[in-house]
Protein backbone atom coordinates (compact mmCIF):
# COMPACT_ATOMS: atom_id res chain seq x y z
CA UNK A 1 -27.52 -8.28 5.08
CA UNK A 2 -23.75 -7.86 4.99
CA UNK A 3 -20.91 -10.31 4.48
CA UNK A 4 -18.66 -10.22 7.53
CA UNK A 5 -14.98 -9.51 7.21
CA UNK A 6 -13.17 -12.83 7.37
CA UNK A 7 -11.41 -13.36 10.66
CA UNK A 8 -8.57 -15.66 9.69
CA UNK A 9 -5.47 -16.48 11.67
CA UNK A 10 -3.55 -16.15 8.39
CA UNK A 11 -4.54 -12.49 8.10
CA UNK A 12 -2.18 -9.97 9.76
CA UNK A 13 -3.58 -7.32 12.13
CA UNK A 14 -5.97 -4.74 10.68
CA UNK A 15 -5.99 -6.21 7.18
CA UNK A 16 -9.13 -6.71 5.07
CA UNK A 17 -9.73 -9.61 2.75
CA UNK A 18 -9.97 -8.97 -0.99
CA UNK A 19 -12.30 -11.57 -2.38
CA UNK A 20 -12.73 -13.27 -5.73
CA UNK A 21 -10.49 -12.32 -8.62
CA UNK A 22 -9.90 -8.72 -7.52
CA UNK A 23 -6.32 -7.48 -7.36
CA UNK A 24 -6.27 -3.75 -6.53
CA UNK A 25 -3.76 -1.71 -8.53
CA UNK A 26 -1.51 0.40 -6.34
CA UNK A 27 1.21 2.80 -7.47
CA UNK A 28 2.33 3.40 -11.04
CA UNK A 29 0.45 1.54 -13.76
CA UNK A 30 3.03 1.61 -16.55
CA UNK A 31 6.79 1.08 -16.65
CA UNK A 32 9.31 3.48 -18.11
CA UNK A 33 11.30 2.82 -21.31
CA UNK A 34 8.59 0.61 -22.76
CA UNK A 35 10.34 0.30 -26.14
CA UNK A 36 13.66 -1.15 -24.92
CA UNK A 37 14.12 -4.93 -24.53
CA UNK A 38 13.36 -6.46 -21.14
CA UNK A 39 16.26 -7.89 -19.18
CA UNK A 40 17.43 -8.44 -15.60
CA UNK A 41 20.98 -7.51 -14.64
CA UNK A 42 23.03 -8.15 -11.50
CA UNK A 43 25.66 -5.69 -10.34
CA UNK A 44 27.40 -4.17 -7.33
CA UNK A 45 29.42 -6.39 -4.99
CA UNK A 46 29.46 -9.34 -7.37
CA UNK A 47 32.12 -11.69 -8.72
CA UNK A 48 30.36 -11.70 -12.08
CA UNK A 49 27.71 -9.44 -13.61
CA UNK A 50 25.28 -11.63 -15.54
CA UNK A 51 22.36 -10.22 -17.48
CA UNK A 52 19.38 -12.37 -18.40
CA UNK A 53 16.96 -11.50 -21.16
CA UNK A 54 13.25 -11.98 -20.59
CA UNK A 55 13.27 -14.92 -23.04
CA UNK A 56 16.10 -16.57 -21.11
CA UNK A 57 14.19 -16.24 -17.85
CA UNK A 58 11.04 -17.62 -19.47
CA UNK A 59 13.04 -20.65 -20.66
CA UNK A 60 14.29 -21.49 -17.16
CA UNK A 61 12.60 -24.02 -14.84
CA UNK A 62 9.47 -22.43 -13.41
CA UNK A 63 8.04 -22.81 -9.94
CA UNK A 64 4.46 -22.11 -8.87
CA UNK A 65 3.96 -20.98 -5.30
CA UNK A 66 1.02 -19.87 -3.16
CA UNK A 67 1.99 -16.56 -1.57
CA UNK A 68 -0.08 -14.30 0.70
CA UNK A 69 -0.18 -10.71 -0.57
CA UNK A 70 -0.52 -8.05 2.13
CA UNK A 71 -0.69 -4.41 1.01
CA UNK A 72 0.35 -1.68 3.41
CA UNK A 73 -3.00 0.01 2.68
CA UNK A 74 -4.76 -2.74 4.66
CA UNK A 75 -6.00 -5.18 2.02
CA UNK A 76 -4.84 -8.78 1.74
CA UNK A 77 -5.21 -11.47 -0.89
CA UNK A 78 -4.17 -14.79 0.65
CA UNK A 79 -2.71 -17.70 -1.28
CA UNK A 80 -2.22 -15.97 -4.60
CA UNK A 81 -0.66 -18.26 -7.18
CA UNK A 82 2.59 -16.91 -8.65
CA UNK A 83 4.73 -18.69 -11.23
CA UNK A 84 8.29 -17.73 -11.97
CA UNK A 85 11.97 -18.36 -11.34
CA UNK A 86 13.45 -18.59 -7.86
CA UNK A 87 15.92 -15.77 -7.35
CA UNK A 88 18.25 -18.29 -5.73
CA UNK A 89 18.49 -20.13 -9.06
CA UNK A 90 19.75 -16.97 -10.76
CA UNK A 91 22.25 -16.13 -8.04
CA UNK A 92 24.43 -19.23 -8.20
CA UNK A 93 26.93 -20.14 -10.87
CA UNK A 94 28.18 -23.73 -10.52
CA UNK A 95 27.10 -23.75 -6.84
CA UNK A 96 29.07 -20.56 -6.18
CA UNK A 97 27.11 -17.40 -5.22
CA UNK A 98 27.70 -14.47 -7.53
CA UNK A 99 28.02 -11.96 -4.66
CA UNK A 100 31.29 -11.20 -2.90
CA UNK A 101 32.04 -11.18 0.82
CA UNK A 102 31.49 -7.41 0.88
CA UNK A 103 27.79 -7.77 0.05
CA UNK A 104 25.42 -7.22 2.99
CA UNK A 105 22.27 -5.91 1.32
CA UNK A 106 20.30 -6.45 -1.89
CA UNK A 107 18.55 -3.64 -3.75
CA UNK A 108 15.75 -4.34 -6.23
CA UNK A 109 15.36 -1.64 -8.90
CA UNK A 110 12.31 -1.23 -11.12
CA UNK A 111 11.97 0.05 -14.65
CA UNK A 112 9.60 2.85 -13.69
CA UNK A 113 9.27 6.59 -14.11
CA UNK A 114 10.56 7.06 -10.56
CA UNK A 115 13.10 4.23 -10.69
CA UNK A 116 11.37 2.65 -7.73
CA UNK A 117 13.56 0.45 -5.61
CA UNK A 118 13.58 -1.31 -2.27
CA UNK A 119 16.13 -3.30 -0.33
CA UNK A 120 16.57 -6.25 2.02
CA UNK A 121 19.46 -7.54 4.09
CA UNK A 122 21.17 -10.30 2.11
CA UNK A 123 20.54 -12.83 4.89
CA UNK A 124 16.82 -11.99 4.96
CA UNK A 125 16.55 -12.20 1.18
CA UNK A 126 18.01 -15.71 1.27
CA UNK A 127 15.65 -16.73 4.07
CA UNK A 128 12.51 -15.36 2.37
CA UNK A 129 13.40 -17.01 -0.96
CA UNK A 130 11.67 -14.55 -3.36
CA UNK A 131 10.78 -15.32 -6.97
CA UNK A 132 10.92 -13.42 -10.24
CA UNK A 133 7.25 -13.79 -11.10
CA UNK A 134 6.05 -14.04 -14.70
CA UNK A 135 2.50 -15.19 -14.03
CA UNK A 136 -0.21 -14.62 -11.43
CA UNK A 137 -3.18 -16.93 -10.98
CA UNK A 138 -2.12 -18.89 -14.06
CA UNK A 139 -2.00 -15.90 -16.42
CA UNK A 140 0.87 -13.67 -17.60
CA UNK A 141 1.31 -10.69 -15.32
CA UNK A 142 -0.65 -7.68 -16.53
CA UNK A 143 1.42 -4.56 -17.10
CA UNK A 144 -0.33 -2.63 -14.32
CA UNK A 145 0.48 -5.46 -11.89
CA UNK A 146 4.18 -5.49 -12.78
CA UNK A 147 4.31 -7.49 -16.00
CA UNK A 148 6.16 -8.91 -17.74
CA UNK A 149 8.18 -9.67 -14.57
CA UNK A 150 8.19 -8.49 -10.99
CA UNK A 151 9.64 -9.44 -7.65
CA UNK A 152 7.45 -11.33 -5.20
CA UNK A 153 8.88 -11.35 -1.68
CA UNK A 154 6.90 -13.54 0.76
CA UNK A 155 6.31 -12.37 4.31
CA UNK A 156 6.56 -8.61 3.67
CA UNK A 157 4.16 -5.82 2.80
CA UNK A 158 3.90 -5.82 -0.97
CA UNK A 159 5.91 -2.62 -1.56
CA UNK A 160 8.95 -4.85 -1.04
CA UNK A 161 7.88 -6.72 -4.22
CA UNK A 162 8.76 -4.16 -6.89
CA UNK A 163 7.04 -4.18 -10.25
CA UNK A 164 8.94 -4.35 -13.56
CA UNK A 165 12.19 -5.59 -12.03
CA UNK A 166 15.20 -4.57 -14.13
CA UNK A 167 18.24 -4.66 -11.85
CA UNK A 168 19.39 -6.37 -8.66
CA UNK A 169 22.32 -4.75 -6.88
CA UNK A 170 24.43 -6.19 -4.08
CA UNK A 171 25.51 -3.48 -1.66
CA UNK A 172 28.00 -3.15 1.14
CA UNK A 173 25.78 -0.60 2.90
CA UNK A 174 22.02 -0.34 2.79
CA UNK A 175 20.33 2.07 0.40
CA UNK A 176 16.73 2.86 1.22
CA UNK A 177 14.28 2.57 -1.65
CA UNK A 178 11.78 5.11 -2.96
CA UNK A 179 8.89 4.28 -0.65
CA UNK A 180 11.09 4.09 2.42
CA UNK A 181 13.12 7.27 1.80
CA UNK A 182 10.47 9.42 0.10
CA UNK A 183 7.17 8.23 1.50
CA UNK A 184 8.24 7.19 4.99
CA UNK A 185 7.31 3.50 4.62
CA UNK A 186 8.85 1.28 7.28
CA UNK A 187 11.97 -0.47 6.05
CA UNK A 188 11.10 -3.63 7.98
CA UNK A 189 7.70 -4.06 6.25
CA UNK A 190 6.62 -6.91 8.56
CA UNK A 191 2.80 -7.16 8.29
CA UNK A 192 2.53 -9.15 11.52
CA UNK A 193 4.21 -6.32 13.43
CA UNK A 194 2.31 -3.68 11.43
CA UNK A 195 5.54 -2.08 10.29
CA UNK A 196 3.75 0.27 7.89
CA UNK A 197 5.39 3.66 8.38
CA UNK A 198 8.34 5.19 10.11
CA UNK A 199 7.60 7.43 13.08
CA UNK A 200 7.00 11.10 12.49
CA UNK A 201 10.12 13.24 12.40
CA UNK A 202 8.35 16.11 14.19
CA UNK A 203 9.06 16.92 17.83
CA UNK A 204 6.04 17.33 20.10
CA UNK A 205 6.62 21.08 20.18
CA UNK A 206 6.78 21.33 16.37
CA UNK A 207 3.64 19.21 16.03
CA UNK A 208 1.77 21.38 18.52
CA UNK A 209 2.71 24.58 16.67
CA UNK A 210 1.52 23.30 13.30
CA UNK A 211 -1.69 21.90 14.82
CA UNK A 212 -2.48 25.24 16.44
CA UNK A 213 -1.92 27.02 13.11
CA UNK A 214 -4.54 24.82 11.40
CA UNK A 215 -2.52 25.20 8.22
CA UNK A 216 -1.12 21.87 6.99
CA UNK A 217 -0.99 22.81 3.31
CA UNK A 218 1.76 20.93 1.38
CA UNK A 219 3.46 19.91 4.63
CA UNK A 220 4.90 16.46 5.35
CA UNK A 221 3.19 15.54 8.62
CA UNK A 222 3.08 11.76 8.41
CA UNK A 223 2.18 10.10 11.69
CA UNK A 224 1.11 13.34 13.35
CA UNK A 225 -0.95 12.86 16.52
CA UNK A 226 -3.93 15.23 16.55
CA UNK A 227 -6.68 13.08 18.06
CA UNK A 228 -9.67 14.66 19.87
CA UNK A 229 -8.80 18.21 18.74
CA UNK A 230 -10.91 20.96 17.25
CA UNK A 231 -9.49 21.39 13.75
CA UNK A 232 -12.60 22.77 12.09
CA UNK A 233 -11.73 24.66 8.93
CA UNK A 234 -8.32 22.99 8.70
CA UNK A 235 -6.38 23.89 5.55
CA UNK A 236 -4.56 20.75 4.40
CA UNK A 237 -4.58 20.73 0.60
CA UNK A 238 -1.80 18.49 -0.76
CA UNK A 239 -0.62 17.65 2.75
CA UNK A 240 1.20 14.36 3.40
CA UNK A 241 -0.72 12.86 6.31
CA UNK A 242 0.01 9.15 6.03
CA UNK A 243 -0.72 7.29 9.28
CA UNK A 244 -1.96 10.49 10.94
CA UNK A 245 -4.20 10.21 14.01
CA UNK A 246 -7.35 12.32 13.72
CA UNK A 247 -9.56 10.09 15.87
CA UNK A 248 -12.66 11.94 17.12
CA UNK A 249 -11.38 15.24 15.66
CA UNK A 250 -13.66 18.09 14.69
CA UNK A 251 -12.78 18.46 11.01
CA UNK A 252 -15.92 20.24 9.89
CA UNK A 253 -15.38 22.13 6.63
CA UNK A 254 -11.73 21.00 6.51
CA UNK A 255 -10.04 21.41 3.14
CA UNK A 256 -8.26 18.10 2.50
CA UNK A 257 -8.35 18.04 -1.28
CA UNK A 258 -5.48 15.98 -2.77
CA UNK A 259 -4.15 15.18 0.72
CA UNK A 260 -2.48 11.83 1.32
CA UNK A 261 -4.31 10.26 4.25
CA UNK A 262 -3.40 6.64 3.61
CA UNK A 263 -3.79 4.57 6.78
CA UNK A 264 -4.95 7.65 8.70
CA UNK A 265 -7.13 7.14 11.78
CA UNK A 266 -10.31 9.16 11.18
CA UNK A 267 -12.46 6.98 13.40
CA UNK A 268 -15.32 8.98 14.87
CA UNK A 269 -14.12 12.22 13.22
CA UNK A 270 -16.63 14.97 12.40
CA UNK A 271 -16.09 15.55 8.67
CA UNK A 272 -19.34 17.32 7.91
CA UNK A 273 -18.96 19.49 4.80
CA UNK A 274 -15.25 18.66 4.58
CA UNK A 275 -13.61 18.38 1.17
CA UNK A 276 -11.73 15.10 0.60
CA UNK A 277 -11.96 15.23 -3.18
CA UNK A 278 -9.11 13.37 -4.91
CA UNK A 279 -7.57 12.52 -1.52
CA UNK A 280 -5.66 9.29 -0.93
CA UNK A 281 -7.68 7.46 1.72
CA UNK A 282 -6.25 4.01 1.08
CA UNK A 283 -6.37 2.02 4.30
CA UNK A 284 -7.93 4.93 6.22
CA UNK A 285 -10.26 4.13 9.13
CA UNK A 286 -13.45 6.18 8.74
CA UNK A 287 -15.62 3.95 10.91
CA UNK A 288 -18.01 6.02 12.96
CA UNK A 289 -17.06 9.23 11.09
CA UNK A 290 -19.72 11.83 10.31
CA UNK A 291 -19.55 12.28 6.53
CA UNK A 292 -22.73 14.24 6.01
CA UNK A 293 -22.17 16.80 3.28
CA UNK A 294 -18.61 15.55 2.76
CA UNK A 295 -17.09 15.62 -0.73
CA UNK A 296 -15.33 12.30 -1.43
CA UNK A 297 -15.38 12.48 -5.22
CA UNK A 298 -12.26 11.01 -6.81
CA UNK A 299 -10.90 9.77 -3.48
CA UNK A 300 -8.86 6.55 -3.55
CA UNK A 301 -10.49 4.13 -1.11
CA UNK A 302 -8.62 0.82 -1.42
CA UNK A 303 -8.75 -0.81 2.01
CA UNK A 304 -10.71 2.06 3.59
CA UNK A 305 -13.10 1.21 6.45
CA UNK A 306 -16.47 2.88 7.05
CA UNK A 307 -17.83 0.48 9.65
CA UNK A 308 -16.78 -2.48 11.74
CA UNK A 309 -18.48 -5.86 11.95
CA UNK A 310 -19.10 -8.15 14.88
CA UNK A 311 -19.08 -11.93 14.57
CA UNK A 312 -22.74 -11.89 13.57
CA UNK A 313 -22.11 -9.76 10.48
CA UNK A 314 -23.88 -6.81 12.09
CA UNK A 315 -22.27 -3.46 11.28
CA UNK A 316 -21.23 -1.26 14.21
CA UNK A 317 -19.33 1.98 14.65
CA UNK A 318 -20.89 3.05 11.39
CA UNK A 319 -20.10 6.17 9.37
CA UNK A 320 -22.92 8.64 8.76
CA UNK A 321 -24.00 9.74 5.28
CA UNK A 322 -26.73 12.00 3.95
CA UNK A 323 -28.06 13.08 0.57
CA UNK A 324 -25.34 15.74 0.33
CA UNK A 325 -22.46 13.28 0.73
CA UNK A 326 -20.67 13.15 -2.64
CA UNK A 327 -19.08 9.84 -3.59
CA UNK A 328 -18.51 8.52 -7.10
CA UNK A 329 -18.87 5.00 -8.47
CA UNK A 330 -15.16 4.48 -9.16
CA UNK A 331 -14.27 5.24 -5.54
CA UNK A 332 -16.96 2.88 -4.27
CA UNK A 333 -15.77 0.07 -6.52
CA UNK A 334 -12.36 0.17 -4.83
CA UNK A 335 -13.85 -0.92 -1.49
CA UNK A 336 -13.89 -4.52 -0.32
CA UNK A 337 -17.31 -6.11 -0.71
CA UNK A 338 -18.70 -5.75 2.82
CA UNK A 339 -17.62 -2.10 3.11
CA UNK A 340 -19.11 -1.29 -0.29
CA UNK A 341 -22.37 -3.00 0.66
CA UNK A 342 -22.58 -1.01 3.87
CA UNK A 343 -21.86 2.34 2.19
CA UNK A 344 -24.42 1.74 -0.57
CA UNK A 345 -27.03 0.76 2.00
CA UNK A 346 -26.24 3.78 4.17
CA UNK A 347 -26.44 6.20 1.21
CA UNK A 348 -29.71 4.62 0.05
CA UNK A 349 -31.17 4.93 3.55
CA UNK A 350 -30.06 8.56 3.88
CA UNK A 351 -31.73 9.45 0.59
CA UNK A 352 -35.08 8.13 1.80
CA UNK A 353 -35.03 10.04 5.09
């Protein structure tokens, strides 16, 4: 009845396989300054400061490489074909590196509304051998996927591969990027170690006080541990709850509209009549959750899990739905195929009860 999630040794822990030609769009969809010419500049601790136009990069020798894409929101697309220019080839002038001895880190800066950036130690960048990608799967990069050129850094969660690359800076000291400094993403970004988020900055006493208040509205509570608690009627509109642990919580009638619950553990939670409209549930684990009467309209569900599968493709630890569960087509389409099939079957069955 259902296609089982692929269990592949090449898939990092707790990742789901995206099948076929799907490539979920995460983050901003359009770059900033769309009318100015595209170029890539190098600056910082450098002996020279070259700038390459997009046409110059397109004219350079191209390399096609199969690279596994692992998104922090728990979906993976193994062996994607990327074509572009090795960063190493842009960093050497007559066999001499352009950076100086002071350089220890490399920052990649995007042409985006938020000036997204991320960084790597120089030694790690050289080891990983990233490319400036111009094509994916044999076609020019679509704008929403980072076109006309983006970084592709193998071996890291994909937020280390910034879209719309415009500048590469060599730094003496590390400068955390947007996702790491603003959103709490782990700077290591190793998918095999599940380095998704930094630990919560709350002390246990602070966490206990805010949990007892049942008022999370607009608070940054990433990674908060609230498993097995009675949080019925919780007020959490616009709360930042990435990587939060709500396993087996009573969240009946909770107000979670517009909350960021990416990678949250909601396994076995009671979410009857809760409002999750327009919430970010990317990578969230909702397997075994009670979603009867829950409002999920407009929720982002890339990588979300509503049930687990054994080796025989039989669903287990399944979420509960009823005719009052509200879930729109666009949200359903974001799910991987086996999760979507399960949810559609569960909703259909609940409507015939």
